């Protein structure tokens, strides 16, 4: 699902990017799609707008986008460990995923 203007503005604010270049916007859009896809494949569907669950979902997406945006040129030595707060957020989203009614 493409980013809405409001979602894009929120993501830019989270990443502290005031005047993104065209290349940065393309990168952010790709990273956004990848983060949404990651959550979907992990069993976390995009929650309805205006819900606390949606705020958690957006925070998780923002975290993944910023992390990957910051690491795009980094040379990594050693290991990178996930942020424990982020891991707990993803776990909570997965464990509280509404079941299908039927």
C-alpha atoms as a PDB file:
ATOM      1  CA  UNK A   1       0.000   0.000   0.000  1.00  0.00           C
ATOM      2  CA  UNK A   2       1.491   3.366  -0.960  1.00  0.00           C
ATOM      3  CA  UNK A   3       2.206   5.904   1.761  1.00  0.00           C
ATOM      4  CA  UNK A   4      -0.338   8.636   2.306  1.00  0.00           C
ATOM      5  CA  UNK A   5       0.902  12.220   2.532  1.00  0.00           C
ATOM      6  CA  UNK A   6       0.199  12.236   6.285  1.00  0.00           C
ATOM      7  CA  UNK A   7       2.070   8.958   6.790  1.00  0.00           C
ATOM      8  CA  UNK A   8       5.019  10.235   4.742  1.00  0.00           C
ATOM      9  CA  UNK A   9       5.139  13.440   6.805  1.00  0.00           C
ATOM     10  CA  UNK A  10       5.092  11.440  10.038  1.00  0.00           C
ATOM     11  CA  UNK A  11       7.885   9.202   8.812  1.00  0.00           C
ATOM     12  CA  UNK A  12       9.987  12.184   7.739  1.00  0.00           C
ATOM     13  CA  UNK A  13       9.480  13.775  11.170  1.00  0.00           C
ATOM     14  CA  UNK A  14      10.477  10.532  12.922  1.00  0.00           C
ATOM     15  CA  UNK A  15      13.603  10.284  10.773  1.00  0.00           C
ATOM     16  CA  UNK A  16      14.324  14.004  11.319  1.00  0.00           C
ATOM     17  CA  UNK A  17      14.524  14.721   7.597  1.00  0.00           C
ATOM     18  CA  UNK A  18      13.278  18.221   6.872  1.00  0.00           C
ATOM     19  CA  UNK A  19      13.914  18.609   3.146  1.00  0.00           C
ATOM     20  CA  UNK A  20      14.475  15.183   1.598  1.00  0.00           C
ATOM     21  CA  UNK A  21      16.109  14.819  -1.780  1.00  0.00           C
ATOM     22  CA  UNK A  22      14.426  12.773  -4.493  1.00  0.00           C
ATOM     23  CA  UNK A  23      16.886   9.951  -3.830  1.00  0.00           C
ATOM     24  CA  UNK A  24      16.170  10.012  -0.093  1.00  0.00           C
ATOM     25  CA  UNK A  25      12.415   9.885  -0.730  1.00  0.00           C
ATOM     26  CA  UNK A  26      12.833   6.901  -3.068  1.00  0.00           C
ATOM     27  CA  UNK A  27      14.929   5.167  -0.429  1.00  0.00           C
ATOM     28  CA  UNK A  28      12.416   5.934   2.330  1.00  0.00           C
ATOM     29  CA  UNK A  29       9.525   4.653   0.203  1.00  0.00           C
ATOM     30  CA  UNK A  30      11.410   1.428  -0.529  1.00  0.00           C
ATOM     31  CA  UNK A  31      12.297   0.967   3.139  1.00  0.00           C
ATOM     32  CA  UNK A  32       8.685   1.695   4.131  1.00  0.00           C
ATOM     33  CA  UNK A  33       7.399  -0.967   1.712  1.00  0.00           C
ATOM     34  CA  UNK A  34      10.000  -3.416   3.035  1.00  0.00           C
ATOM     35  CA  UNK A  35       9.023  -2.750   6.666  1.00  0.00           C
ATOM     36  CA  UNK A  36       5.307  -3.157   5.944  1.00  0.00           C
ATOM     37  CA  UNK A  37       6.091  -6.369   4.041  1.00  0.00           C
ATOM     38  CA  UNK A  38       8.208  -7.656   6.918  1.00  0.00           C
ATOM     39  CA  UNK A  39       5.373  -7.155   9.395  1.00  0.00           C
ATOM     40  CA  UNK A  40       2.848  -8.706   7.028  1.00  0.00           C
ATOM     41  CA  UNK A  41       5.054 -11.778   6.556  1.00  0.00           C
ATOM     42  CA  UNK A  42       5.508 -11.939  10.338  1.00  0.00           C
ATOM     43  CA  UNK A  43       1.729 -12.204  10.701  1.00  0.00           C
ATOM     44  CA  UNK A  44       1.019  -8.585  11.644  1.00  0.00           C
ATOM     45  CA  UNK A  45      -1.661  -6.927   9.518  1.00  0.00           C
ATOM     46  CA  UNK A  46      -1.941  -3.149   9.225  1.00  0.00           C
ATOM     47  CA  UNK A  47      -4.424  -2.061  11.930  1.00  0.00           C
ATOM     48  CA  UNK A  48      -7.219   0.478  11.396  1.00  0.00           C
ATOM     49  CA  UNK A  49      -6.301   4.178  11.573  1.00  0.00           C
ATOM     50  CA  UNK A  50      -6.806   5.978  14.866  1.00  0.00           C
ATOM     51  CA  UNK A  51      -6.332   2.942  17.107  1.00  0.00           C
ATOM     52  CA  UNK A  52      -3.639   2.413  19.745  1.00  0.00           C
ATOM     53  CA  UNK A  53      -2.607  -0.717  17.849  1.00  0.00           C
ATOM     54  CA  UNK A  54      -2.058   1.411  14.727  1.00  0.00           C
ATOM     55  CA  UNK A  55       0.200   3.732  16.705  1.00  0.00           C
ATOM     56  CA  UNK A  56       2.292   0.723  17.759  1.00  0.00           C
ATOM     57  CA  UNK A  57       2.372  -0.564  14.189  1.00  0.00           C
ATOM     58  CA  UNK A  58       3.469   2.822  12.823  1.00  0.00           C
ATOM     59  CA  UNK A  59       6.168   3.054  15.496  1.00  0.00           C
ATOM     60  CA  UNK A  60       7.523  -0.363  14.507  1.00  0.00           C
ATOM     61  CA  UNK A  61       7.560   0.623  10.816  1.00  0.00           C
ATOM     62  CA  UNK A  62       9.235   3.946  11.634  1.00  0.00           C
ATOM     63  CA  UNK A  63      11.898   2.181  13.689  1.00  0.00           C
ATOM     64  CA  UNK A  64      12.710  -0.266  10.896  1.00  0.00           C
ATOM     65  CA  UNK A  65      12.836   2.471   8.263  1.00  0.00           C
ATOM     66  CA  UNK A  66      15.125   4.718  10.321  1.00  0.00           C
ATOM     67  CA  UNK A  67      17.407   1.827  11.298  1.00  0.00           C
ATOM     68  CA  UNK A  68      17.837   0.723   7.700  1.00  0.00           C
ATOM     69  CA  UNK A  69      18.121   4.291   6.410  1.00  0.00           C
ATOM     70  CA  UNK A  70      20.928   4.976   8.884  1.00  0.00           C
ATOM     71  CA  UNK A  71      22.708   1.704   8.064  1.00  0.00           C
ATOM     72  CA  UNK A  72      22.617   2.023   4.270  1.00  0.00           C
ATOM     73  CA  UNK A  73      26.224   3.271   4.063  1.00  0.00           C
ATOM     74  CA  UNK A  74      27.561   1.826   7.293  1.00  0.00           C
ATOM     75  CA  UNK A  75      30.375  -0.655   7.470  1.00  0.00           C
ATOM     76  CA  UNK A  76      29.526  -3.135  10.174  1.00  0.00           C
ATOM     77  CA  UNK A  77      32.127  -4.931  12.230  1.00  0.00           C
ATOM     78  CA  UNK A  78      30.958  -7.397  14.830  1.00  0.00           C
ATOM     79  CA  UNK A  79      27.286  -8.089  15.317  1.00  0.00           C
ATOM     80  CA  UNK A  80      24.231  -5.870  15.293  1.00  0.00           C
ATOM     81  CA  UNK A  81      21.596  -6.677  17.874  1.00  0.00           C
ATOM     82  CA  UNK A  82      17.976  -5.626  17.698  1.00  0.00           C
ATOM     83  CA  UNK A  83      16.729  -3.029  20.118  1.00  0.00           C
ATOM     84  CA  UNK A  84      14.967  -4.974  22.917  1.00  0.00           C
ATOM     85  CA  UNK A  85      12.104  -2.456  23.072  1.00  0.00           C
ATOM     86  CA  UNK A  86      11.542  -2.889  19.333  1.00  0.00           C
ATOM     87  CA  UNK A  87      11.587  -6.691  19.659  1.00  0.00           C
ATOM     88  CA  UNK A  88       9.008  -6.507  22.481  1.00  0.00           C
ATOM     89  CA  UNK A  89       6.808  -4.229  20.351  1.00  0.00           C
ATOM     90  CA  UNK A  90       6.892  -6.663  17.419  1.00  0.00           C
ATOM     91  CA  UNK A  91       6.153  -9.581  19.746  1.00  0.00           C
ATOM     92  CA  UNK A  92       3.196  -7.749  21.265  1.00  0.00           C
ATOM     93  CA  UNK A  93       1.810  -6.901  17.834  1.00  0.00           C
ATOM     94  CA  UNK A  94       2.132 -10.535  16.756  1.00  0.00           C
ATOM     95  CA  UNK A  95       0.563 -11.928  19.919  1.00  0.00           C
ATOM     96  CA  UNK A  96      -2.360  -9.507  19.848  1.00  0.00           C
ATOM     97  CA  UNK A  97      -3.146  -9.889  16.146  1.00  0.00           C
ATOM     98  CA  UNK A  98      -6.939 -10.136  15.864  1.00  0.00           C
ATOM     99  CA  UNK A  99      -8.138 -13.544  14.696  1.00  0.00           C
ATOM    100  CA  UNK A 100     -10.229 -14.008  11.606  1.00  0.00           C
ATOM    101  CA  UNK A 101     -13.921 -14.077  12.361  1.00  0.00           C
ATOM    102  CA  UNK A 102     -16.075 -16.590  10.673  1.00  0.00           C
END
